[in-house]
């Protein structure tokens, strides 16, 4: 599909930011630098929104959010008899949207 920009995608490979920037630039008709700046700004805006406790929703693709994971008592890996108090922590969460789910199932 994007043979001039990227080799055929397989499940074992991952696309990095530079490759994504190149593909976006060719699809939109702009330079790689502009596409990369857009990606950087998107990431900055999304992080800022998640830090405020909000969500970032891209309809059809999915929703990014931050959730509080409760603290718990764990087992020390080097000394299984010793327990460790693990504090609560904020973790990122992604919930896939319908269009993404359908595309991965081969329906779209």
C-alpha atoms as a PDB file:
ATOM      1  CA  UNK A   1       0.000   0.000   0.000  1.00  0.00           C
ATOM      2  CA  UNK A   2       2.765   2.468   0.912  1.00  0.00           C
ATOM      3  CA  UNK A   3       5.474   0.648  -1.036  1.00  0.00           C
ATOM      4  CA  UNK A   4       7.322   3.835  -1.961  1.00  0.00           C
ATOM      5  CA  UNK A   5       7.491   4.963   1.651  1.00  0.00           C
ATOM      6  CA  UNK A   6       7.605   1.758   3.696  1.00  0.00           C
ATOM      7  CA  UNK A   7       8.130  -1.934   3.096  1.00  0.00           C
ATOM      8  CA  UNK A   8       5.125  -4.219   3.550  1.00  0.00           C
ATOM      9  CA  UNK A   9       3.927  -4.256   7.160  1.00  0.00           C
ATOM     10  CA  UNK A  10       3.845  -7.585   8.967  1.00  0.00           C
ATOM     11  CA  UNK A  11       2.707  -8.439  12.477  1.00  0.00           C
ATOM     12  CA  UNK A  12       6.289  -8.797  13.717  1.00  0.00           C
ATOM     13  CA  UNK A  13       7.375  -5.295  12.729  1.00  0.00           C
ATOM     14  CA  UNK A  14       6.549  -2.009  14.349  1.00  0.00           C
ATOM     15  CA  UNK A  15       6.285   1.420  12.773  1.00  0.00           C
ATOM     16  CA  UNK A  16       8.348   4.163  14.369  1.00  0.00           C
ATOM     17  CA  UNK A  17       7.646   7.897  14.426  1.00  0.00           C
ATOM     18  CA  UNK A  18       9.901   8.653  11.447  1.00  0.00           C
ATOM     19  CA  UNK A  19       8.121   6.080   9.278  1.00  0.00           C
ATOM     20  CA  UNK A  20       4.716   7.343  10.394  1.00  0.00           C
ATOM     21  CA  UNK A  21       5.793  10.919   9.606  1.00  0.00           C
ATOM     22  CA  UNK A  22       6.893   9.888   6.109  1.00  0.00           C
ATOM     23  CA  UNK A  23       3.588   8.140   5.410  1.00  0.00           C
ATOM     24  CA  UNK A  24       1.505  11.035   6.759  1.00  0.00           C
ATOM     25  CA  UNK A  25       3.544  13.526   4.733  1.00  0.00           C
ATOM     26  CA  UNK A  26       3.002  11.588   1.505  1.00  0.00           C
ATOM     27  CA  UNK A  27      -0.744  11.107   2.198  1.00  0.00           C
ATOM     28  CA  UNK A  28      -1.355  14.768   3.078  1.00  0.00           C
ATOM     29  CA  UNK A  29       1.051  16.221   0.537  1.00  0.00           C
ATOM     30  CA  UNK A  30       3.365  18.011   2.946  1.00  0.00           C
ATOM     31  CA  UNK A  31       6.941  17.621   4.134  1.00  0.00           C
ATOM     32  CA  UNK A  32       8.163  15.041   6.623  1.00  0.00           C
ATOM     33  CA  UNK A  33       9.217  17.854   8.962  1.00  0.00           C
ATOM     34  CA  UNK A  34       5.690  19.295   9.064  1.00  0.00           C
ATOM     35  CA  UNK A  35       4.180  15.852   9.656  1.00  0.00           C
ATOM     36  CA  UNK A  36       6.687  15.142  12.431  1.00  0.00           C
ATOM     37  CA  UNK A  37       5.948  18.509  14.057  1.00  0.00           C
ATOM     38  CA  UNK A  38       2.234  17.660  13.946  1.00  0.00           C
ATOM     39  CA  UNK A  39       2.871  14.295  15.620  1.00  0.00           C
ATOM     40  CA  UNK A  40       5.019  15.920  18.311  1.00  0.00           C
ATOM     41  CA  UNK A  41       2.330  18.522  19.021  1.00  0.00           C
ATOM     42  CA  UNK A  42      -0.373  15.830  19.140  1.00  0.00           C
ATOM     43  CA  UNK A  43       1.638  13.884  21.708  1.00  0.00           C
ATOM     44  CA  UNK A  44       2.255  17.031  23.796  1.00  0.00           C
ATOM     45  CA  UNK A  45      -1.435  18.018  23.758  1.00  0.00           C
ATOM     46  CA  UNK A  46      -2.559  14.461  24.584  1.00  0.00           C
ATOM     47  CA  UNK A  47      -0.105  14.189  27.498  1.00  0.00           C
ATOM     48  CA  UNK A  48      -1.198  17.567  28.870  1.00  0.00           C
ATOM     49  CA  UNK A  49      -4.863  16.535  28.701  1.00  0.00           C
ATOM     50  CA  UNK A  50      -4.198  13.189  30.398  1.00  0.00           C
ATOM     51  CA  UNK A  51      -2.201  14.910  33.160  1.00  0.00           C
ATOM     52  CA  UNK A  52      -5.245  17.095  33.857  1.00  0.00           C
ATOM     53  CA  UNK A  53      -7.333  13.953  34.269  1.00  0.00           C
ATOM     54  CA  UNK A  54      -9.079  14.221  30.903  1.00  0.00           C
ATOM     55  CA  UNK A  55      -9.409  11.828  27.994  1.00  0.00           C
ATOM     56  CA  UNK A  56      -8.402  12.078  24.339  1.00  0.00           C
ATOM     57  CA  UNK A  57     -10.939  10.458  22.027  1.00  0.00           C
ATOM     58  CA  UNK A  58     -10.398   9.857  18.329  1.00  0.00           C
ATOM     59  CA  UNK A  59     -13.788   8.579  17.189  1.00  0.00           C
ATOM     60  CA  UNK A  60     -13.403   5.229  15.463  1.00  0.00           C
ATOM     61  CA  UNK A  61      -9.786   4.816  16.568  1.00  0.00           C
ATOM     62  CA  UNK A  62     -10.000   4.851  20.344  1.00  0.00           C
ATOM     63  CA  UNK A  63      -9.754   6.688  23.634  1.00  0.00           C
ATOM     64  CA  UNK A  64      -6.630   7.467  25.611  1.00  0.00           C
ATOM     65  CA  UNK A  65      -7.076   7.983  29.347  1.00  0.00           C
ATOM     66  CA  UNK A  66      -5.165   7.833  32.624  1.00  0.00           C
ATOM     67  CA  UNK A  67      -6.303   5.564  35.437  1.00  0.00           C
ATOM     68  CA  UNK A  68      -5.256   5.234  39.058  1.00  0.00           C
ATOM     69  CA  UNK A  69      -3.989   1.725  39.777  1.00  0.00           C
ATOM     70  CA  UNK A  70      -4.480   0.803  43.428  1.00  0.00           C
ATOM     71  CA  UNK A  71      -1.537   0.085  45.652  1.00  0.00           C
ATOM     72  CA  UNK A  72      -1.002  -3.505  46.671  1.00  0.00           C
ATOM     73  CA  UNK A  73       1.285  -5.830  48.523  1.00  0.00           C
ATOM     74  CA  UNK A  74       3.660  -7.758  46.266  1.00  0.00           C
ATOM     75  CA  UNK A  75       6.296 -10.433  46.700  1.00  0.00           C
ATOM     76  CA  UNK A  76       9.979  -9.540  46.565  1.00  0.00           C
ATOM     77  CA  UNK A  77      11.387 -11.379  43.499  1.00  0.00           C
ATOM     78  CA  UNK A  78      14.748 -12.183  45.108  1.00  0.00           C
ATOM     79  CA  UNK A  79      13.332 -13.111  48.484  1.00  0.00           C
ATOM     80  CA  UNK A  80       9.821 -14.598  48.107  1.00  0.00           C
ATOM     81  CA  UNK A  81       9.294 -14.624  51.879  1.00  0.00           C
ATOM     82  CA  UNK A  82       9.545 -10.832  51.970  1.00  0.00           C
ATOM     83  CA  UNK A  83       6.566  -8.678  50.965  1.00  0.00           C
ATOM     84  CA  UNK A  84       6.787  -5.277  49.314  1.00  0.00           C
ATOM     85  CA  UNK A  85       4.278  -2.438  49.575  1.00  0.00           C
ATOM     86  CA  UNK A  86       3.618  -1.202  46.052  1.00  0.00           C
ATOM     87  CA  UNK A  87       2.129   2.314  46.028  1.00  0.00           C
ATOM     88  CA  UNK A  88      -0.783   3.378  43.866  1.00  0.00           C
ATOM     89  CA  UNK A  89       0.268   4.814  40.526  1.00  0.00           C
ATOM     90  CA  UNK A  90      -1.309   6.553  37.535  1.00  0.00           C
ATOM     91  CA  UNK A  91      -1.063   4.461  34.359  1.00  0.00           C
ATOM     92  CA  UNK A  92      -2.039   5.179  30.739  1.00  0.00           C
ATOM     93  CA  UNK A  93      -4.979   3.292  29.251  1.00  0.00           C
ATOM     94  CA  UNK A  94      -6.187   2.879  25.677  1.00  0.00           C
ATOM     95  CA  UNK A  95      -9.601   1.598  24.668  1.00  0.00           C
ATOM     96  CA  UNK A  96      -9.876   0.703  20.983  1.00  0.00           C
ATOM     97  CA  UNK A  97     -12.760   2.161  18.977  1.00  0.00           C
ATOM     98  CA  UNK A  98     -15.180   0.249  16.765  1.00  0.00           C
ATOM     99  CA  UNK A  99     -13.510   1.106  13.447  1.00  0.00           C
ATOM    100  CA  UNK A 100     -10.107  -0.057  14.717  1.00  0.00           C
ATOM    101  CA  UNK A 101     -11.547  -3.271  16.172  1.00  0.00           C
ATOM    102  CA  UNK A 102     -13.417  -4.040  12.965  1.00  0.00           C
ATOM    103  CA  UNK A 103     -10.339  -3.357  10.821  1.00  0.00           C
ATOM    104  CA  UNK A 104      -8.228  -5.725  12.882  1.00  0.00           C
ATOM    105  CA  UNK A 105     -10.914  -8.404  12.682  1.00  0.00           C
ATOM    106  CA  UNK A 106     -10.935  -8.060   8.888  1.00  0.00           C
ATOM    107  CA  UNK A 107     -14.407  -6.523   8.635  1.00  0.00           C
ATOM    108  CA  UNK A 108     -13.379  -3.147   7.237  1.00  0.00           C
END
